[in-house]
């Protein structure tokens, strides 16, 4: 008798559910979402937006210092 072996079941609805959970309960999540505009009127506006986005990300993200101590 031949047995089919499944190594990993891909469940896209579970991934979608995780995304919805992160959107609707942001305080419990370790992720955050940002909305990005695709079009700008001038190159200066685009550069200012990129700078502000990088500044926002550097303020919002944290580095787990214990991670580096465990690797050594």
PDB file of N, CA and C in Angstrom:
ATOM      1  N   UNK A   1       0.835  -1.169   0.000  1.00  0.00           N
ATOM      2  CA  UNK A   1       0.000   0.000   0.000  1.00  0.00           C
ATOM      3  C   UNK A   1       0.892   1.250   0.000  1.00  0.00           C
ATOM      4  N   UNK A   2       0.591   2.152  -0.889  1.00  0.00           N
ATOM      5  CA  UNK A   2       1.392   3.368  -1.016  1.00  0.00           C
ATOM      6  C   UNK A   2       0.835   4.446  -0.085  1.00  0.00           C
ATOM      7  N   UNK A   3       1.722   5.092   0.668  1.00  0.00           N
ATOM      8  CA  UNK A   3       1.328   6.131   1.610  1.00  0.00           C
ATOM      9  C   UNK A   3       1.866   7.467   1.093  1.00  0.00           C
ATOM     10  N   UNK A   4       0.974   8.439   0.959  1.00  0.00           N
ATOM     11  CA  UNK A   4       1.394   9.782   0.571  1.00  0.00           C
ATOM     12  C   UNK A   4       1.876  10.525   1.796  1.00  0.00           C
ATOM     13  N   UNK A   5       3.022  11.138   1.665  1.00  0.00           N
ATOM     14  CA  UNK A   5       3.617  11.843   2.793  1.00  0.00           C
ATOM     15  C   UNK A   5       3.608  13.343   2.511  1.00  0.00           C
ATOM     16  N   UNK A   6       2.987  14.114   3.369  1.00  0.00           N
ATOM     17  CA  UNK A   6       2.954  15.572   3.249  1.00  0.00           C
ATOM     18  C   UNK A   6       3.937  16.137   4.260  1.00  0.00           C
ATOM     19  N   UNK A   7       4.919  16.869   3.754  1.00  0.00           N
ATOM     20  CA  UNK A   7       5.925  17.414   4.663  1.00  0.00           C
ATOM     21  C   UNK A   7       5.472  18.711   5.322  1.00  0.00           C
ATOM     22  N   UNK A   8       4.801  19.553   4.549  1.00  0.00           N
ATOM     23  CA  UNK A   8       4.321  20.807   5.118  1.00  0.00           C
ATOM     24  C   UNK A   8       3.045  21.218   4.406  1.00  0.00           C
ATOM     25  N   UNK A   9       2.015  21.450   5.171  1.00  0.00           N
ATOM     26  CA  UNK A   9       0.744  21.881   4.600  1.00  0.00           C
ATOM     27  C   UNK A   9       0.725  23.396   4.565  1.00  0.00           C
ATOM     28  N   UNK A  10       0.541  23.954   3.388  1.00  0.00           N
ATOM     29  CA  UNK A  10       0.483  25.405   3.229  1.00  0.00           C
ATOM     30  C   UNK A  10      -0.960  25.845   3.412  1.00  0.00           C
ATOM     31  N   UNK A  11      -1.190  26.709   4.361  1.00  0.00           N
ATOM     32  CA  UNK A  11      -2.535  27.185   4.660  1.00  0.00           C
ATOM     33  C   UNK A  11      -2.575  28.699   4.497  1.00  0.00           C
ATOM     34  N   UNK A  12      -2.942  29.175   3.308  1.00  0.00           N
ATOM     35  CA  UNK A  12      -2.928  30.620   3.076  1.00  0.00           C
ATOM     36  C   UNK A  12      -3.936  31.390   3.919  1.00  0.00           C
ATOM     37  N   UNK A  13      -5.049  30.784   4.280  1.00  0.00           N
ATOM     38  CA  UNK A  13      -6.043  31.490   5.085  1.00  0.00           C
ATOM     39  C   UNK A  13      -5.525  31.758   6.495  1.00  0.00           C
ATOM     40  N   UNK A  14      -4.651  30.898   6.993  1.00  0.00           N
ATOM     41  CA  UNK A  14      -4.054  31.166   8.308  1.00  0.00           C
ATOM     42  C   UNK A  14      -3.144  32.383   8.250  1.00  0.00           C
ATOM     43  N   UNK A  15      -2.363  32.482   7.187  1.00  0.00           N
ATOM     44  CA  UNK A  15      -1.490  33.641   7.019  1.00  0.00           C
ATOM     45  C   UNK A  15      -2.323  34.910   6.886  1.00  0.00           C
ATOM     46  N   UNK A  16      -3.402  34.838   6.135  1.00  0.00           N
ATOM     47  CA  UNK A  16      -4.288  35.982   5.981  1.00  0.00           C
ATOM     48  C   UNK A  16      -4.918  36.360   7.326  1.00  0.00           C
ATOM     49  N   UNK A  17      -5.280  35.360   8.110  1.00  0.00           N
ATOM     50  CA  UNK A  17      -5.838  35.608   9.442  1.00  0.00           C
ATOM     51  C   UNK A  17      -4.839  36.306  10.350  1.00  0.00           C
ATOM     52  N   UNK A  18      -3.570  35.924  10.259  1.00  0.00           N
ATOM     53  CA  UNK A  18      -2.530  36.577  11.057  1.00  0.00           C
ATOM     54  C   UNK A  18      -2.384  38.039  10.660  1.00  0.00           C
ATOM     55  N   UNK A  19      -2.462  38.309   9.354  1.00  0.00           N
ATOM     56  CA  UNK A  19      -2.380  39.696   8.895  1.00  0.00           C
ATOM     57  C   UNK A  19      -3.553  40.517   9.416  1.00  0.00           C
ATOM     58  N   UNK A  20      -4.752  39.957   9.359  1.00  0.00           N
ATOM     59  CA  UNK A  20      -5.927  40.668   9.875  1.00  0.00           C
ATOM     60  C   UNK A  20      -5.810  40.920  11.370  1.00  0.00           C
ATOM     61  N   UNK A  21      -5.298  39.943  12.090  1.00  0.00           N
ATOM     62  CA  UNK A  21      -5.116  40.090  13.540  1.00  0.00           C
ATOM     63  C   UNK A  21      -4.135  41.232  13.836  1.00  0.00           C
ATOM     64  N   UNK A  22      -3.055  41.322  13.060  1.00  0.00           N
ATOM     65  CA  UNK A  22      -2.087  42.406  13.258  1.00  0.00           C
ATOM     66  C   UNK A  22      -2.696  43.769  12.954  1.00  0.00           C
ATOM     67  N   UNK A  23      -3.582  43.825  11.957  1.00  0.00           N
ATOM     68  CA  UNK A  23      -4.198  45.103  11.595  1.00  0.00           C
ATOM     69  C   UNK A  23      -5.188  45.558  12.654  1.00  0.00           C
ATOM     70  N   UNK A  24      -6.056  44.641  13.112  1.00  0.00           N
ATOM     71  CA  UNK A  24      -7.142  45.033  14.009  1.00  0.00           C
ATOM     72  C   UNK A  24      -6.779  45.039  15.488  1.00  0.00           C
ATOM     73  N   UNK A  25      -5.668  44.429  15.864  1.00  0.00           N
ATOM     74  CA  UNK A  25      -5.230  44.503  17.256  1.00  0.00           C
ATOM     75  C   UNK A  25      -3.737  44.836  17.285  1.00  0.00           C
ATOM     76  N   UNK A  26      -3.382  46.085  16.973  1.00  0.00           N
ATOM     77  CA  UNK A  26      -1.964  46.440  16.861  1.00  0.00           C
ATOM     78  C   UNK A  26      -1.204  46.439  18.182  1.00  0.00           C
ATOM     79  N   UNK A  27      -1.890  46.601  19.298  1.00  0.00           N
ATOM     80  CA  UNK A  27      -1.181  46.634  20.580  1.00  0.00           C
ATOM     81  C   UNK A  27      -0.644  45.259  20.950  1.00  0.00           C
ATOM     82  N   UNK A  28      -1.298  44.199  20.497  1.00  0.00           N
ATOM     83  CA  UNK A  28      -0.854  42.839  20.801  1.00  0.00           C
ATOM     84  C   UNK A  28       0.186  42.343  19.803  1.00  0.00           C
ATOM     85  N   UNK A  29       0.356  43.038  18.711  1.00  0.00           N
ATOM     86  CA  UNK A  29       1.236  42.595  17.641  1.00  0.00           C
ATOM     87  C   UNK A  29       2.642  43.164  17.802  1.00  0.00           C
ATOM     88  N   UNK A  30       3.607  42.473  17.233  1.00  0.00           N
ATOM     89  CA  UNK A  30       4.976  42.982  17.215  1.00  0.00           C
ATOM     90  C   UNK A  30       5.300  43.598  15.852  1.00  0.00           C
ATOM     91  N   UNK A  31       4.287  43.815  15.037  1.00  0.00           N
ATOM     92  CA  UNK A  31       4.437  44.419  13.718  1.00  0.00           C
ATOM     93  C   UNK A  31       3.628  45.704  13.646  1.00  0.00           C
ATOM     94  N   UNK A  32       3.932  46.552  12.671  1.00  0.00           N
ATOM     95  CA  UNK A  32       3.098  47.715  12.425  1.00  0.00           C
ATOM     96  C   UNK A  32       3.016  47.949  10.928  1.00  0.00           C
ATOM     97  N   UNK A  33       2.016  48.709  10.536  1.00  0.00           N
ATOM     98  CA  UNK A  33       1.737  48.953   9.131  1.00  0.00           C
ATOM     99  C   UNK A  33       1.899  50.427   8.827  1.00  0.00           C
ATOM    100  N   UNK A  34       2.431  50.729   7.646  1.00  0.00           N
ATOM    101  CA  UNK A  34       2.499  52.107   7.186  1.00  0.00           C
ATOM    102  C   UNK A  34       1.902  52.173   5.786  1.00  0.00           C
ATOM    103  N   UNK A  35       1.241  53.270   5.493  1.00  0.00           N
ATOM    104  CA  UNK A  35       0.654  53.487   4.179  1.00  0.00           C
ATOM    105  C   UNK A  35       1.585  54.404   3.399  1.00  0.00           C
ATOM    106  N   UNK A  36       1.966  53.972   2.208  1.00  0.00           N
ATOM    107  CA  UNK A  36       2.961  54.681   1.424  1.00  0.00           C
ATOM    108  C   UNK A  36       2.339  55.174   0.128  1.00  0.00           C
ATOM    109  N   UNK A  37       2.559  56.428  -0.181  1.00  0.00           N
ATOM    110  CA  UNK A  37       2.079  56.998  -1.430  1.00  0.00           C
ATOM    111  C   UNK A  37       3.018  56.597  -2.565  1.00  0.00           C
ATOM    112  N   UNK A  38       2.445  56.330  -3.727  1.00  0.00           N
ATOM    113  CA  UNK A  38       3.251  55.913  -4.870  1.00  0.00           C
ATOM    114  C   UNK A  38       3.670  57.083  -5.757  1.00  0.00           C
ATOM    115  N   UNK A  39       2.958  58.195  -5.677  1.00  0.00           N
ATOM    116  CA  UNK A  39       3.233  59.311  -6.563  1.00  0.00           C
ATOM    117  C   UNK A  39       3.472  60.597  -5.770  1.00  0.00           C
ATOM    118  N   UNK A  40       4.426  61.381  -6.260  1.00  0.00           N
ATOM    119  CA  UNK A  40       4.748  62.670  -5.661  1.00  0.00           C
ATOM    120  C   UNK A  40       4.806  63.716  -6.767  1.00  0.00           C
ATOM    121  N   UNK A  41       4.555  64.966  -6.415  1.00  0.00           N
ATOM    122  CA  UNK A  41       4.564  66.044  -7.405  1.00  0.00           C
ATOM    123  C   UNK A  41       5.976  66.469  -7.801  1.00  0.00           C
ATOM    124  N   UNK A  42       6.887  66.485  -6.836  1.00  0.00           N
ATOM    125  CA  UNK A  42       8.266  66.904  -7.129  1.00  0.00           C
ATOM    126  C   UNK A  42       9.249  65.904  -6.537  1.00  0.00           C
ATOM    127  N   UNK A  43      10.459  65.996  -7.009  1.00  0.00           N
ATOM    128  CA  UNK A  43      11.512  65.121  -6.489  1.00  0.00           C
ATOM    129  C   UNK A  43      11.825  65.466  -5.031  1.00  0.00           C
ATOM    130  N   UNK A  44      11.726  66.742  -4.673  1.00  0.00           N
ATOM    131  CA  UNK A  44      11.987  67.174  -3.296  1.00  0.00           C
ATOM    132  C   UNK A  44      10.975  66.561  -2.332  1.00  0.00           C
ATOM    133  N   UNK A  45       9.697  66.517  -2.719  1.00  0.00           N
ATOM    134  CA  UNK A  45       8.674  65.876  -1.877  1.00  0.00           C
ATOM    135  C   UNK A  45       8.991  64.412  -1.669  1.00  0.00           C
ATOM    136  N   UNK A  46       9.428  63.759  -2.729  1.00  0.00           N
ATOM    137  CA  UNK A  46       9.780  62.338  -2.639  1.00  0.00           C
ATOM    138  C   UNK A  46      10.940  62.122  -1.670  1.00  0.00           C
ATOM    139  N   UNK A  47      11.981  62.940  -1.777  1.00  0.00           N
ATOM    140  CA  UNK A  47      13.144  62.806  -0.897  1.00  0.00           C
ATOM    141  C   UNK A  47      12.782  63.091   0.550  1.00  0.00           C
ATOM    142  N   UNK A  48      11.932  64.092   0.790  1.00  0.00           N
ATOM    143  CA  UNK A  48      11.489  64.399   2.158  1.00  0.00           C
ATOM    144  C   UNK A  48      10.680  63.241   2.736  1.00  0.00           C
ATOM    145  N   UNK A  49       9.826  62.651   1.908  1.00  0.00           N
ATOM    146  CA  UNK A  49       9.031  61.516   2.372  1.00  0.00           C
ATOM    147  C   UNK A  49       9.933  60.339   2.738  1.00  0.00           C
ATOM    148  N   UNK A  50      10.914  60.049   1.916  1.00  0.00           N
ATOM    149  CA  UNK A  50      11.834  58.943   2.198  1.00  0.00           C
ATOM    150  C   UNK A  50      12.590  59.208   3.494  1.00  0.00           C
ATOM    151  N   UNK A  51      13.059  60.436   3.685  1.00  0.00           N
ATOM    152  CA  UNK A  51      13.781  60.779   4.909  1.00  0.00           C
ATOM    153  C   UNK A  51      12.887  60.613   6.137  1.00  0.00           C
ATOM    154  N   UNK A  52      11.650  61.118   6.058  1.00  0.00           N
ATOM    155  CA  UNK A  52      10.726  61.007   7.191  1.00  0.00           C
ATOM    156  C   UNK A  52      10.372  59.554   7.486  1.00  0.00           C
ATOM    157  N   UNK A  53      10.241  58.741   6.451  1.00  0.00           N
ATOM    158  CA  UNK A  53       9.929  57.329   6.646  1.00  0.00           C
ATOM    159  C   UNK A  53      11.074  56.605   7.338  1.00  0.00           C
ATOM    160  N   UNK A  54      12.293  56.879   6.913  1.00  0.00           N
ATOM    161  CA  UNK A  54      13.463  56.261   7.549  1.00  0.00           C
ATOM    162  C   UNK A  54      13.572  56.701   9.001  1.00  0.00           C
ATOM    163  N   UNK A  55      13.329  57.968   9.263  1.00  0.00           N
ATOM    164  CA  UNK A  55      13.372  58.481  10.631  1.00  0.00           C
ATOM    165  C   UNK A  55      12.292  57.815  11.492  1.00  0.00           C
ATOM    166  N   UNK A  56      11.098  57.665  10.943  1.00  0.00           N
ATOM    167  CA  UNK A  56      10.008  57.003  11.667  1.00  0.00           C
ATOM    168  C   UNK A  56      10.374  55.557  11.993  1.00  0.00           C
ATOM    169  N   UNK A  57      10.912  54.846  11.015  1.00  0.00           N
ATOM    170  CA  UNK A  57      11.282  53.448  11.237  1.00  0.00           C
ATOM    171  C   UNK A  57      12.386  53.311  12.276  1.00  0.00           C
ATOM    172  N   UNK A  58      13.345  54.206  12.264  1.00  0.00           N
ATOM    173  CA  UNK A  58      14.427  54.127  13.249  1.00  0.00           C
ATOM    174  C   UNK A  58      13.909  54.428  14.661  1.00  0.00           C
ATOM    175  N   UNK A  59      12.877  55.263  14.773  1.00  0.00           N
ATOM    176  CA  UNK A  59      12.301  55.554  16.090  1.00  0.00           C
ATOM    177  C   UNK A  59      11.390  54.435  16.585  1.00  0.00           C
ATOM    178  N   UNK A  60      10.710  53.751  15.691  1.00  0.00           N
ATOM    179  CA  UNK A  60       9.719  52.750  16.083  1.00  0.00           C
ATOM    180  C   UNK A  60      10.299  51.353  16.304  1.00  0.00           C
ATOM    181  N   UNK A  61      11.399  51.030  15.653  1.00  0.00           N
ATOM    182  CA  UNK A  61      11.946  49.681  15.772  1.00  0.00           C
ATOM    183  C   UNK A  61      12.929  49.603  16.924  1.00  0.00           C
ATOM    184  N   UNK A  62      13.028  48.416  17.499  1.00  0.00           N
ATOM    185  CA  UNK A  62      13.911  48.175  18.635  1.00  0.00           C
ATOM    186  C   UNK A  62      14.817  46.990  18.318  1.00  0.00           C
ATOM    187  N   UNK A  63      15.993  46.989  18.911  1.00  0.00           N
ATOM    188  CA  UNK A  63      16.936  45.892  18.739  1.00  0.00           C
ATOM    189  C   UNK A  63      16.936  45.079  20.027  1.00  0.00           C
ATOM    190  N   UNK A  64      16.772  43.774  19.875  1.00  0.00           N
ATOM    191  CA  UNK A  64      16.786  42.880  21.021  1.00  0.00           C
ATOM    192  C   UNK A  64      18.241  42.614  21.401  1.00  0.00           C
ATOM    193  N   UNK A  65      18.701  43.207  22.491  1.00  0.00           N
ATOM    194  CA  UNK A  65      20.100  43.095  22.889  1.00  0.00           C
ATOM    195  C   UNK A  65      20.444  41.685  23.368  1.00  0.00           C
ATOM    196  N   UNK A  66      19.473  40.951  23.896  1.00  0.00           N
ATOM    197  CA  UNK A  66      19.718  39.601  24.365  1.00  0.00           C
ATOM    198  C   UNK A  66      20.030  38.662  23.205  1.00  0.00           C
ATOM    199  N   UNK A  67      19.550  38.967  22.024  1.00  0.00           N
ATOM    200  CA  UNK A  67      19.792  38.116  20.853  1.00  0.00           C
ATOM    201  C   UNK A  67      21.285  38.026  20.560  1.00  0.00           C
ATOM    202  N   UNK A  68      21.983  39.143  20.641  1.00  0.00           N
ATOM    203  CA  UNK A  68      23.411  39.143  20.350  1.00  0.00           C
ATOM    204  C   UNK A  68      24.204  38.443  21.447  1.00  0.00           C
ATOM    205  N   UNK A  69      23.759  38.524  22.690  1.00  0.00           N
ATOM    206  CA  UNK A  69      24.454  37.839  23.772  1.00  0.00           C
ATOM    207  C   UNK A  69      24.294  36.329  23.658  1.00  0.00           C
ATOM    208  N   UNK A  70      23.178  35.856  23.146  1.00  0.00           N
ATOM    209  CA  UNK A  70      22.951  34.421  23.005  1.00  0.00           C
ATOM    210  C   UNK A  70      23.789  33.834  21.873  1.00  0.00           C
ATOM    211  N   UNK A  71      24.062  34.596  20.832  1.00  0.00           N
ATOM    212  CA  UNK A  71      24.816  34.094  19.690  1.00  0.00           C
ATOM    213  C   UNK A  71      26.291  33.914  20.003  1.00  0.00           C
ATOM    214  N   UNK A  72      26.811  34.654  20.963  1.00  0.00           N
ATOM    215  CA  UNK A  72      28.252  34.605  21.251  1.00  0.00           C
ATOM    216  C   UNK A  72      28.598  33.487  22.165  1.00  0.00           C
TER     217      UNK A  72
END
